[in-house]
PDB file of N, CA and C in Angstrom:
ATOM      1  N   MET A   1      55.389 -56.581  16.752  1.00  0.00           N
ATOM      2  CA  MET A   1      54.238 -56.212  17.556  1.00  0.00           C
ATOM      3  C   MET A   1      54.718 -55.321  18.684  1.00  0.00           C
ATOM      4  N   GLU A   2      54.014 -54.249  18.901  1.00  0.00           N
ATOM      5  CA  GLU A   2      54.344 -53.317  19.964  1.00  0.00           C
ATOM      6  C   GLU A   2      53.260 -53.410  21.028  1.00  0.00           C
ATOM      7  N   THR A   3      53.651 -53.363  22.294  1.00  0.00           N
ATOM      8  CA  THR A   3      52.673 -53.348  23.377  1.00  0.00           C
ATOM      9  C   THR A   3      52.961 -52.162  24.264  1.00  0.00           C
ATOM     10  N   SER A   4      51.925 -51.690  24.906  1.00  0.00           N
ATOM     11  CA  SER A   4      52.054 -50.532  25.766  1.00  0.00           C
ATOM     12  C   SER A   4      51.026 -50.641  26.871  1.00  0.00           C
ATOM     13  N   SER A   5      51.217 -49.869  27.934  1.00  0.00           N
ATOM     14  CA  SER A   5      50.282 -49.909  29.051  1.00  0.00           C
ATOM     15  C   SER A   5      49.794 -48.499  29.329  1.00  0.00           C
ATOM     16  N   SER A   6      48.527 -48.391  29.659  1.00  0.00           N
ATOM     17  CA  SER A   6      47.919 -47.093  29.949  1.00  0.00           C
ATOM     18  C   SER A   6      47.013 -47.242  31.154  1.00  0.00           C
ATOM     19  N   GLU A   7      47.011 -46.272  32.024  1.00  0.00           N
ATOM     20  CA  GLU A   7      46.171 -46.321  33.216  1.00  0.00           C
ATOM     21  C   GLU A   7      45.052 -45.301  33.101  1.00  0.00           C
ATOM     22  N   SER A   8      43.844 -45.712  33.466  1.00  0.00           N
ATOM     23  CA  SER A   8      42.698 -44.818  33.487  1.00  0.00           C
ATOM     24  C   SER A   8      42.645 -44.142  34.848  1.00  0.00           C
ATOM     25  N   THR A   9      42.065 -42.961  34.903  1.00  0.00           N
ATOM     26  CA  THR A   9      41.977 -42.241  36.164  1.00  0.00           C
ATOM     27  C   THR A   9      40.632 -42.416  36.841  1.00  0.00           C
ATOM     28  N   ASN A  10      39.777 -43.329  36.349  1.00  0.00           N
ATOM     29  CA  ASN A  10      38.467 -43.545  36.949  1.00  0.00           C
ATOM     30  C   ASN A  10      38.618 -44.106  38.343  1.00  0.00           C
ATOM     31  N   SER A  11      37.750 -43.682  39.265  1.00  0.00           N
ATOM     32  CA  SER A  11      37.769 -44.239  40.606  1.00  0.00           C
ATOM     33  C   SER A  11      36.867 -45.461  40.637  1.00  0.00           C
ATOM     34  N   GLY A  12      36.972 -46.254  41.704  1.00  0.00           N
ATOM     35  CA  GLY A  12      36.148 -47.456  41.810  1.00  0.00           C
ATOM     36  C   GLY A  12      36.906 -48.669  41.325  1.00  0.00           C
ATOM     37  N   ALA A  13      36.180 -49.782  41.219  1.00  0.00           N
ATOM     38  CA  ALA A  13      36.801 -51.040  40.802  1.00  0.00           C
ATOM     39  C   ALA A  13      37.307 -50.945  39.372  1.00  0.00           C
ATOM     40  N   GLN A  14      38.505 -51.449  39.165  1.00  0.00           N
ATOM     41  CA  GLN A  14      39.141 -51.400  37.851  1.00  0.00           C
ATOM     42  C   GLN A  14      39.345 -52.821  37.332  1.00  0.00           C
ATOM     43  N   ILE A  15      39.318 -52.947  36.021  1.00  0.00           N
ATOM     44  CA  ILE A  15      39.656 -54.203  35.367  1.00  0.00           C
ATOM     45  C   ILE A  15      40.731 -53.906  34.331  1.00  0.00           C
ATOM     46  N   GLU A  16      41.496 -54.909  33.990  1.00  0.00           N
ATOM     47  CA  GLU A  16      42.522 -54.750  32.975  1.00  0.00           C
ATOM     48  C   GLU A  16      42.047 -55.419  31.692  1.00  0.00           C
ATOM     49  N   ILE A  17      42.142 -54.682  30.593  1.00  0.00           N
ATOM     50  CA  ILE A  17      41.739 -55.177  29.277  1.00  0.00           C
ATOM     51  C   ILE A  17      42.823 -54.801  28.276  1.00  0.00           C
ATOM     52  N   GLU A  18      42.685 -55.282  27.053  1.00  0.00           N
ATOM     53  CA  GLU A  18      43.609 -54.912  25.991  1.00  0.00           C
ATOM     54  C   GLU A  18      42.824 -54.307  24.836  1.00  0.00           C
ATOM     55  N   VAL A  19      43.469 -53.397  24.128  1.00  0.00           N
ATOM     56  CA  VAL A  19      42.900 -52.798  22.925  1.00  0.00           C
ATOM     57  C   VAL A  19      43.916 -53.026  21.803  1.00  0.00           C
ATOM     58  N   ALA A  20      43.456 -53.627  20.707  1.00  0.00           N
ATOM     59  CA  ALA A  20      44.360 -54.000  19.610  1.00  0.00           C
ATOM     60  C   ALA A  20      43.930 -53.355  18.301  1.00  0.00           C
ATOM     61  N   TYR A  21      44.938 -53.039  17.483  1.00  0.00           N
ATOM     62  CA  TYR A  21      44.705 -52.539  16.133  1.00  0.00           C
ATOM     63  C   TYR A  21      45.895 -52.977  15.289  1.00  0.00           C
ATOM     64  N   ALA A  22      45.645 -53.294  14.041  1.00  0.00           N
ATOM     65  CA  ALA A  22      46.738 -53.720  13.168  1.00  0.00           C
ATOM     66  C   ALA A  22      46.554 -53.161  11.770  1.00  0.00           C
ATOM     67  N   THR A  23      47.671 -52.820  11.180  1.00  0.00           N
ATOM     68  CA  THR A  23      47.726 -52.470   9.762  1.00  0.00           C
ATOM     69  C   THR A  23      48.565 -53.559   9.105  1.00  0.00           C
ATOM     70  N   PRO A  24      48.691 -53.550   7.783  1.00  0.00           N
ATOM     71  CA  PRO A  24      49.554 -54.555   7.158  1.00  0.00           C
ATOM     72  C   PRO A  24      51.008 -54.473   7.649  1.00  0.00           C
ATOM     73  N   ASP A  25      51.425 -53.302   8.139  1.00  0.00           N
ATOM     74  CA  ASP A  25      52.817 -53.094   8.544  1.00  0.00           C
ATOM     75  C   ASP A  25      53.064 -53.123  10.042  1.00  0.00           C
ATOM     76  N   LYS A  26      52.032 -52.886  10.839  1.00  0.00           N
ATOM     77  CA  LYS A  26      52.252 -52.702  12.274  1.00  0.00           C
ATOM     78  C   LYS A  26      51.058 -53.208  13.066  1.00  0.00           C
ATOM     79  N   GLN A  27      51.351 -53.826  14.217  1.00  0.00           N
ATOM     80  CA  GLN A  27      50.305 -54.257  15.143  1.00  0.00           C
ATOM     81  C   GLN A  27      50.610 -53.653  16.505  1.00  0.00           C
ATOM     82  N   LEU A  28      49.573 -53.194  17.192  1.00  0.00           N
ATOM     83  CA  LEU A  28      49.750 -52.614  18.517  1.00  0.00           C
ATOM     84  C   LEU A  28      48.678 -53.160  19.444  1.00  0.00           C
ATOM     85  N   ILE A  29      49.096 -53.617  20.613  1.00  0.00           N
ATOM     86  CA  ILE A  29      48.165 -54.061  21.648  1.00  0.00           C
ATOM     87  C   ILE A  29      48.480 -53.253  22.897  1.00  0.00           C
ATOM     88  N   LEU A  30      47.494 -52.498  23.361  1.00  0.00           N
ATOM     89  CA  LEU A  30      47.648 -51.668  24.550  1.00  0.00           C
ATOM     90  C   LEU A  30      46.923 -52.320  25.720  1.00  0.00           C
ATOM     91  N   THR A  31      47.565 -52.378  26.877  1.00  0.00           N
ATOM     92  CA  THR A  31      46.933 -52.861  28.091  1.00  0.00           C
ATOM     93  C   THR A  31      46.422 -51.638  28.846  1.00  0.00           C
ATOM     94  N   VAL A  32      45.144 -51.676  29.236  1.00  0.00           N
ATOM     95  CA  VAL A  32      44.504 -50.517  29.843  1.00  0.00           C
ATOM     96  C   VAL A  32      43.720 -50.949  31.080  1.00  0.00           C
ATOM     97  N   SER A  33      43.791 -50.137  32.129  1.00  0.00           N
ATOM     98  CA  SER A  33      42.934 -50.335  33.299  1.00  0.00           C
ATOM     99  C   SER A  33      41.753 -49.392  33.160  1.00  0.00           C
ATOM    100  N   VAL A  34      40.542 -49.961  33.241  1.00  0.00           N
ATOM    101  CA  VAL A  34      39.325 -49.162  33.097  1.00  0.00           C
ATOM    102  C   VAL A  34      38.351 -49.532  34.206  1.00  0.00           C
ATOM    103  N   ALA A  35      37.339 -48.705  34.399  1.00  0.00           N
ATOM    104  CA  ALA A  35      36.290 -49.007  35.371  1.00  0.00           C
ATOM    105  C   ALA A  35      35.581 -50.291  34.952  1.00  0.00           C
ATOM    106  N   GLU A  36      35.152 -51.072  35.932  1.00  0.00           N
ATOM    107  CA  GLU A  36      34.554 -52.370  35.594  1.00  0.00           C
ATOM    108  C   GLU A  36      33.264 -52.255  34.797  1.00  0.00           C
ATOM    109  N   ASP A  37      32.607 -51.095  34.808  1.00  0.00           N
ATOM    110  CA  ASP A  37      31.383 -50.909  34.018  1.00  0.00           C
ATOM    111  C   ASP A  37      31.649 -50.159  32.705  1.00  0.00           C
ATOM    112  N   CYS A  38      32.900 -50.118  32.297  1.00  0.00           N
ATOM    113  CA  CYS A  38      33.310 -49.389  31.094  1.00  0.00           C
ATOM    114  C   CYS A  38      32.778 -50.087  29.835  1.00  0.00           C
ATOM    115  N   SER A  39      32.370 -49.284  28.852  1.00  0.00           N
ATOM    116  CA  SER A  39      31.909 -49.840  27.582  1.00  0.00           C
ATOM    117  C   SER A  39      33.103 -50.108  26.665  1.00  0.00           C
ATOM    118  N   VAL A  40      32.870 -50.907  25.652  1.00  0.00           N
ATOM    119  CA  VAL A  40      33.888 -51.212  24.654  1.00  0.00           C
ATOM    120  C   VAL A  40      34.399 -49.911  24.034  1.00  0.00           C
ATOM    121  N   TYR A  41      33.480 -49.051  23.638  1.00  0.00           N
ATOM    122  CA  TYR A  41      33.845 -47.782  23.005  1.00  0.00           C
ATOM    123  C   TYR A  41      34.677 -46.913  23.949  1.00  0.00           C
ATOM    124  N   ASP A  42      34.208 -46.753  25.195  1.00  0.00           N
ATOM    125  CA  ASP A  42      34.917 -45.900  26.153  1.00  0.00           C
ATOM    126  C   ASP A  42      36.323 -46.427  26.446  1.00  0.00           C
ATOM    127  N   ALA A  43      36.476 -47.744  26.486  1.00  0.00           N
ATOM    128  CA  ALA A  43      37.797 -48.328  26.722  1.00  0.00           C
ATOM    129  C   ALA A  43      38.717 -48.057  25.535  1.00  0.00           C
ATOM    130  N   ALA A  44      38.181 -48.147  24.328  1.00  0.00           N
ATOM    131  CA  ALA A  44      38.994 -47.856  23.141  1.00  0.00           C
ATOM    132  C   ALA A  44      39.452 -46.396  23.159  1.00  0.00           C
ATOM    133  N   VAL A  45      38.557 -45.499  23.538  1.00  0.00           N
ATOM    134  CA  VAL A  45      38.910 -44.081  23.635  1.00  0.00           C
ATOM    135  C   VAL A  45      39.968 -43.882  24.722  1.00  0.00           C
ATOM    136  N   ALA A  46      39.762 -44.509  25.888  1.00  0.00           N
ATOM    137  CA  ALA A  46      40.692 -44.366  27.005  1.00  0.00           C
ATOM    138  C   ALA A  46      42.086 -44.888  26.671  1.00  0.00           C
ATOM    139  N   SER A  47      42.160 -45.870  25.779  1.00  0.00           N
ATOM    140  CA  SER A  47      43.456 -46.444  25.422  1.00  0.00           C
ATOM    141  C   SER A  47      44.335 -45.460  24.653  1.00  0.00           C
ATOM    142  N   GLY A  48      43.705 -44.524  23.944  1.00  0.00           N
ATOM    143  CA  GLY A  48      44.453 -43.580  23.120  1.00  0.00           C
ATOM    144  C   GLY A  48      44.982 -44.191  21.839  1.00  0.00           C
ATOM    145  N   ILE A  49      44.449 -45.340  21.454  1.00  0.00           N
ATOM    146  CA  ILE A  49      44.943 -46.016  20.251  1.00  0.00           C
ATOM    147  C   ILE A  49      44.746 -45.168  18.998  1.00  0.00           C
ATOM    148  N   ASP A  50      43.735 -44.316  19.019  1.00  0.00           N
ATOM    149  CA  ASP A  50      43.499 -43.440  17.860  1.00  0.00           C
ATOM    150  C   ASP A  50      44.564 -42.354  17.745  1.00  0.00           C
ATOM    151  N   LYS A  51      45.327 -42.128  18.800  1.00  0.00           N
ATOM    152  CA  LYS A  51      46.441 -41.166  18.723  1.00  0.00           C
ATOM    153  C   LYS A  51      47.656 -41.829  18.074  1.00  0.00           C
ATOM    154  N   LYS A  52      47.785 -43.134  18.242  1.00  0.00           N
ATOM    155  CA  LYS A  52      48.901 -43.871  17.640  1.00  0.00           C
ATOM    156  C   LYS A  52      48.639 -44.150  16.158  1.00  0.00           C
ATOM    157  N   PHE A  53      47.351 -44.269  15.806  1.00  0.00           N
ATOM    158  CA  PHE A  53      46.933 -44.523  14.431  1.00  0.00           C
ATOM    159  C   PHE A  53      45.893 -43.466  14.060  1.00  0.00           C
ATOM    160  N   PRO A  54      46.307 -42.311  13.538  1.00  0.00           N
ATOM    161  CA  PRO A  54      45.380 -41.214  13.262  1.00  0.00           C
ATOM    162  C   PRO A  54      44.268 -41.564  12.266  1.00  0.00           C
ATOM    163  N   GLU A  55      44.449 -42.626  11.476  1.00  0.00           N
ATOM    164  CA  GLU A  55      43.413 -43.000  10.511  1.00  0.00           C
ATOM    165  C   GLU A  55      42.197 -43.634  11.176  1.00  0.00           C
ATOM    166  N   ILE A  56      42.307 -43.993  12.452  1.00  0.00           N
ATOM    167  CA  ILE A  56      41.179 -44.605  13.161  1.00  0.00           C
ATOM    168  C   ILE A  56      40.160 -43.541  13.523  1.00  0.00           C
ATOM    169  N   ASN A  57      38.898 -43.817  13.219  1.00  0.00           N
ATOM    170  CA  ASN A  57      37.786 -42.994  13.688  1.00  0.00           C
ATOM    171  C   ASN A  57      36.952 -43.888  14.595  1.00  0.00           C
ATOM    172  N   LEU A  58      37.142 -43.752  15.903  1.00  0.00           N
ATOM    173  CA  LEU A  58      36.472 -44.647  16.846  1.00  0.00           C
ATOM    174  C   LEU A  58      34.955 -44.510  16.808  1.00  0.00           C
ATOM    175  N   GLU A  59      34.455 -43.377  16.363  1.00  0.00           N
ATOM    176  CA  GLU A  59      33.000 -43.197  16.251  1.00  0.00           C
ATOM    177  C   GLU A  59      32.403 -44.134  15.211  1.00  0.00           C
ATOM    178  N   SER A  60      33.136 -44.391  14.142  1.00  0.00           N
ATOM    179  CA  SER A  60      32.576 -45.190  13.052  1.00  0.00           C
ATOM    180  C   SER A  60      33.237 -46.559  12.877  1.00  0.00           C
ATOM    181  N   SER A  61      34.351 -46.792  13.535  1.00  0.00           N
ATOM    182  CA  SER A  61      35.051 -48.074  13.376  1.00  0.00           C
ATOM    183  C   SER A  61      34.263 -49.217  13.993  1.00  0.00           C
ATOM    184  N   LYS A  62      34.284 -50.353  13.316  1.00  0.00           N
ATOM    185  CA  LYS A  62      33.705 -51.565  13.885  1.00  0.00           C
ATOM    186  C   LYS A  62      34.689 -52.106  14.906  1.00  0.00           C
ATOM    187  N   MET A  63      34.148 -52.705  15.974  1.00  0.00           N
ATOM    188  CA  MET A  63      34.976 -53.249  17.042  1.00  0.00           C
ATOM    189  C   MET A  63      34.484 -54.632  17.412  1.00  0.00           C
ATOM    190  N   GLY A  64      35.381 -55.413  17.962  1.00  0.00           N
ATOM    191  CA  GLY A  64      35.023 -56.746  18.413  1.00  0.00           C
ATOM    192  C   GLY A  64      35.773 -57.090  19.676  1.00  0.00           C
ATOM    193  N   ILE A  65      35.345 -58.182  20.297  1.00  0.00           N
ATOM    194  CA  ILE A  65      36.051 -58.728  21.454  1.00  0.00           C
ATOM    195  C   ILE A  65      36.455 -60.142  21.066  1.00  0.00           C
ATOM    196  N   PHE A  66      37.764 -60.397  21.050  1.00  0.00           N
ATOM    197  CA  PHE A  66      38.295 -61.703  20.653  1.00  0.00           C
ATOM    198  C   PHE A  66      37.662 -62.190  19.351  1.00  0.00           C
ATOM    199  N   SER A  67      37.691 -61.352  18.325  1.00  0.00           N
ATOM    200  CA  SER A  67      37.226 -61.666  16.963  1.00  0.00           C
ATOM    201  C   SER A  67      35.715 -61.781  16.810  1.00  0.00           C
ATOM    202  N   LYS A  68      34.954 -61.476  17.827  1.00  0.00           N
ATOM    203  CA  LYS A  68      33.494 -61.504  17.720  1.00  0.00           C
ATOM    204  C   LYS A  68      32.989 -60.054  17.662  1.00  0.00           C
ATOM    205  N   LEU A  69      32.331 -59.710  16.547  1.00  0.00           N
ATOM    206  CA  LEU A  69      31.864 -58.347  16.334  1.00  0.00           C
ATOM    207  C   LEU A  69      30.926 -57.901  17.446  1.00  0.00           C
ATOM    208  N   VAL A  70      31.135 -56.676  17.929  1.00  0.00           N
ATOM    209  CA  VAL A  70      30.265 -56.066  18.933  1.00  0.00           C
ATOM    210  C   VAL A  70      29.335 -55.116  18.192  1.00  0.00           C
ATOM    211  N   SER A  71      28.026 -55.377  18.262  1.00  0.00           N
ATOM    212  CA  SER A  71      27.086 -54.571  17.494  1.00  0.00           C
ATOM    213  C   SER A  71      26.860 -53.183  18.095  1.00  0.00           C
ATOM    214  N   LYS A  72      26.961 -53.062  19.413  1.00  0.00           N
ATOM    215  CA  LYS A  72      26.745 -51.770  20.076  1.00  0.00           C
ATOM    216  C   LYS A  72      27.881 -51.489  21.056  1.00  0.00           C
ATOM    217  N   PRO A  73      29.041 -51.037  20.527  1.00  0.00           N
ATOM    218  CA  PRO A  73      30.206 -50.844  21.397  1.00  0.00           C
ATOM    219  C   PRO A  73      30.017 -49.793  22.493  1.00  0.00           C
ATOM    220  N   LYS A  74      29.096 -48.857  22.297  1.00  0.00           N
ATOM    221  CA  LYS A  74      28.864 -47.843  23.339  1.00  0.00           C
ATOM    222  C   LYS A  74      28.008 -48.378  24.478  1.00  0.00           C
ATOM    223  N   LEU A  75      27.381 -49.543  24.283  1.00  0.00           N
ATOM    224  CA  LEU A  75      26.516 -50.120  25.316  1.00  0.00           C
ATOM    225  C   LEU A  75      27.099 -51.373  25.961  1.00  0.00           C
ATOM    226  N   GLN A  76      27.889 -52.128  25.225  1.00  0.00           N
ATOM    227  CA  GLN A  76      28.414 -53.392  25.760  1.00  0.00           C
ATOM    228  C   GLN A  76      29.540 -53.137  26.749  1.00  0.00           C
ATOM    229  N   THR A  77      29.423 -53.754  27.937  1.00  0.00           N
ATOM    230  CA  THR A  77      30.460 -53.618  28.951  1.00  0.00           C
ATOM    231  C   THR A  77      31.474 -54.749  28.814  1.00  0.00           C
ATOM    232  N   LEU A  78      32.566 -54.587  29.508  1.00  0.00           N
ATOM    233  CA  LEU A  78      33.703 -55.495  29.387  1.00  0.00           C
ATOM    234  C   LEU A  78      33.848 -56.400  30.601  1.00  0.00           C
ATOM    235  N   LYS A  79      34.593 -57.473  30.394  1.00  0.00           N
ATOM    236  CA  LYS A  79      34.981 -58.364  31.485  1.00  0.00           C
ATOM    237  C   LYS A  79      36.501 -58.296  31.609  1.00  0.00           C
ATOM    238  N   PRO A  80      37.024 -58.581  32.799  1.00  0.00           N
ATOM    239  CA  PRO A  80      38.483 -58.571  32.949  1.00  0.00           C
ATOM    240  C   PRO A  80      39.150 -59.479  31.914  1.00  0.00           C
ATOM    241  N   GLY A  81      40.222 -58.979  31.316  1.00  0.00           N
ATOM    242  CA  GLY A  81      40.976 -59.761  30.348  1.00  0.00           C
ATOM    243  C   GLY A  81      40.471 -59.693  28.925  1.00  0.00           C
ATOM    244  N   ASP A  82      39.348 -59.009  28.673  1.00  0.00           N
ATOM    245  CA  ASP A  82      38.838 -58.886  27.300  1.00  0.00           C
ATOM    246  C   ASP A  82      39.866 -58.177  26.419  1.00  0.00           C
ATOM    247  N   ARG A  83      39.891 -58.551  25.144  1.00  0.00           N
ATOM    248  CA  ARG A  83      40.715 -57.848  24.163  1.00  0.00           C
ATOM    249  C   ARG A  83      39.799 -57.226  23.126  1.00  0.00           C
ATOM    250  N   ILE A  84      39.762 -55.916  23.107  1.00  0.00           N
ATOM    251  CA  ILE A  84      38.987 -55.170  22.117  1.00  0.00           C
ATOM    252  C   ILE A  84      39.836 -55.071  20.856  1.00  0.00           C
ATOM    253  N   GLU A  85      39.210 -55.373  19.729  1.00  0.00           N
ATOM    254  CA  GLU A  85      39.882 -55.233  18.448  1.00  0.00           C
ATOM    255  C   GLU A  85      39.169 -54.159  17.641  1.00  0.00           C
ATOM    256  N   VAL A  86      39.923 -53.186  17.189  1.00  0.00           N
ATOM    257  CA  VAL A  86      39.384 -52.127  16.336  1.00  0.00           C
ATOM    258  C   VAL A  86      39.688 -52.551  14.910  1.00  0.00           C
ATOM    259  N   TYR A  87      38.640 -52.676  14.091  1.00  0.00           N
ATOM    260  CA  TYR A  87      38.789 -53.197  12.736  1.00  0.00           C
ATOM    261  C   TYR A  87      38.946 -52.075  11.718  1.00  0.00           C
ATOM    262  N   ARG A  88      39.807 -52.338  10.732  1.00  0.00           N
ATOM    263  CA  ARG A  88      39.965 -51.404   9.615  1.00  0.00           C
ATOM    264  C   ARG A  88      38.792 -51.581   8.666  1.00  0.00           C
ATOM    265  N   PRO A  89      38.374 -50.518   7.980  1.00  0.00           N
ATOM    266  CA  PRO A  89      37.284 -50.680   7.003  1.00  0.00           C
ATOM    267  C   PRO A  89      37.756 -51.511   5.812  1.00  0.00           C
ATOM    268  N   LEU A  90      36.828 -52.253   5.217  1.00  0.00           N
ATOM    269  CA  LEU A  90      37.151 -53.022   4.022  1.00  0.00           C
ATOM    270  C   LEU A  90      37.375 -52.082   2.851  1.00  0.00           C
ATOM    271  N   LEU A  91      38.378 -52.375   2.056  1.00  0.00           N
ATOM    272  CA  LEU A  91      38.640 -51.558   0.871  1.00  0.00           C
ATOM    273  C   LEU A  91      37.685 -51.930  -0.256  1.00  0.00           C
ATOM    274  N   ILE A  92      37.280 -53.205  -0.296  1.00  0.00           N
ATOM    275  CA  ILE A  92      36.343 -53.666  -1.314  1.00  0.00           C
ATOM    276  C   ILE A  92      35.502 -54.771  -0.676  1.00  0.00           C
ATOM    277  N   ASP A  93      34.261 -54.829  -1.062  1.00  0.00           N
ATOM    278  CA  ASP A  93      33.358 -55.867  -0.568  1.00  0.00           C
ATOM    279  C   ASP A  93      33.893 -57.235  -0.997  1.00  0.00           C
ATOM    280  N   PRO A  94      33.978 -58.207  -0.077  1.00  0.00           N
ATOM    281  CA  PRO A  94      34.508 -59.531  -0.449  1.00  0.00           C
ATOM    282  C   PRO A  94      33.761 -60.187  -1.611  1.00  0.00           C
ATOM    283  N   LYS A  95      32.450 -60.014  -1.692  1.00  0.00           N
ATOM    284  CA  LYS A  95      31.689 -60.588  -2.807  1.00  0.00           C
ATOM    285  C   LYS A  95      32.119 -59.952  -4.133  1.00  0.00           C
ATOM    286  N   GLU A  96      32.297 -58.655  -4.110  1.00  0.00           N
ATOM    287  CA  GLU A  96      32.719 -57.939  -5.317  1.00  0.00           C
ATOM    288  C   GLU A  96      34.118 -58.389  -5.734  1.00  0.00           C
ATOM    289  N   SER A  97      34.988 -58.589  -4.763  1.00  0.00           N
ATOM    290  CA  SER A  97      36.343 -59.057  -5.046  1.00  0.00           C
ATOM    291  C   SER A  97      36.325 -60.425  -5.713  1.00  0.00           C
ATOM    292  N   ARG A  98      35.488 -61.336  -5.216  1.00  0.00           N
ATOM    293  CA  ARG A  98      35.376 -62.675  -5.821  1.00  0.00           C
ATOM    294  C   ARG A  98      34.849 -62.570  -7.250  1.00  0.00           C
ATOM    295  N   LYS A  99      33.850 -61.717  -7.470  1.00  0.00           N
ATOM    296  CA  LYS A  99      33.310 -61.531  -8.825  1.00  0.00           C
ATOM    297  C   LYS A  99      34.395 -61.030  -9.770  1.00  0.00           C
ATOM    298  N   ASN A 100      35.193 -60.075  -9.291  1.00  0.00           N
ATOM    299  CA  ASN A 100      36.267 -59.518 -10.130  1.00  0.00           C
ATOM    300  C   ASN A 100      37.290 -60.582 -10.492  1.00  0.00           C
ATOM    301  N   ARG A 101      37.670 -61.417  -9.510  1.00  0.00           N
ATOM    302  CA  ARG A 101      38.633 -62.485  -9.788  1.00  0.00           C
ATOM    303  C   ARG A 101      38.062 -63.492 -10.779  1.00  0.00           C
ATOM    304  N   ALA A 102      36.797 -63.857 -10.595  1.00  0.00           N
ATOM    305  CA  ALA A 102      36.157 -64.827 -11.497  1.00  0.00           C
ATOM    306  C   ALA A 102      36.086 -64.267 -12.918  1.00  0.00           C
ATOM    307  N   ALA A 103      35.745 -62.996 -13.047  1.00  0.00           N
ATOM    308  CA  ALA A 103      35.662 -62.370 -14.372  1.00  0.00           C
ATOM    309  C   ALA A 103      37.039 -62.332 -15.025  1.00  0.00           C
ATOM    310  N   LYS A 104      38.081 -62.091 -14.239  1.00  0.00           N
ATOM    311  CA  LYS A 104      39.442 -62.041 -14.776  1.00  0.00           C
ATOM    312  C   LYS A 104      39.863 -63.422 -15.281  1.00  0.00           C
ATOM    313  N   VAL A 105      39.564 -64.459 -14.499  1.00  0.00           N
ATOM    314  CA  VAL A 105      39.901 -65.833 -14.907  1.00  0.00           C
ATOM    315  C   VAL A 105      39.145 -66.199 -16.183  1.00  0.00           C
ATOM    316  N   LYS A 106      37.867 -65.852 -16.244  1.00  0.00           N
ATOM    317  CA  LYS A 106      37.051 -66.145 -17.422  1.00  0.00           C
ATOM    318  C   LYS A 106      37.608 -65.438 -18.657  1.00  0.00           C
ATOM    319  N   ALA A 107      38.008 -64.181 -18.489  1.00  0.00           N
ATOM    320  CA  ALA A 107      38.554 -63.410 -19.613  1.00  0.00           C
ATOM    321  C   ALA A 107      39.883 -64.004 -20.085  1.00  0.00           C
ATOM    322  N   GLU A 108      40.710 -64.492 -19.156  1.00  0.00           N
ATOM    323  CA  GLU A 108      41.995 -65.081 -19.536  1.00  0.00           C
ATOM    324  C   GLU A 108      41.803 -66.407 -20.260  1.00  0.00           C
ATOM    325  N   LYS A 109      40.779 -67.181 -19.877  1.00  0.00           N
ATOM    326  CA  LYS A 109      40.515 -68.448 -20.540  1.00  0.00           C
ATOM    327  C   LYS A 109      39.998 -68.233 -21.972  1.00  0.00           C
ATOM    328  N   GLY A 110      39.310 -67.113 -22.180  1.00  0.00           N
ATOM    329  CA  GLY A 110      38.746 -66.808 -23.489  1.00  0.00           C
ATOM    330  C   GLY A 110      39.787 -66.329 -24.486  1.00  0.00           C
ATOM    331  N   LYS A 111      40.988 -66.034 -24.046  1.00  0.00           N
ATOM    332  CA  LYS A 111      42.034 -65.519 -24.955  1.00  0.00           C
ATOM    333  C   LYS A 111      42.710 -66.618 -25.711  1.00  0.00           C
TER     334      LYS A 111
END
């Protein structure tokens, strides 16, 4: 796990938050100081995490705070100590994956 710190240049009251992203091979948690009225989306942009992981598209990526999905990251503000998590897109729908596994097991039993 790699950690890093980044400072925002916003004036006014600042809070410290973390922005996290993980791939199967690497995890990164950045500590960032942002304005206290900063949105989840703006904090993710300010962290620069998309520069460390070019595959991230912050405009379309789902985000959460401590594993709870944020439905409107451009509107939700943060509290001191929050950890924003940027989620990778699913490669396959979990329901579809279960169906595929069940069909494979059924086919193997029929042999």
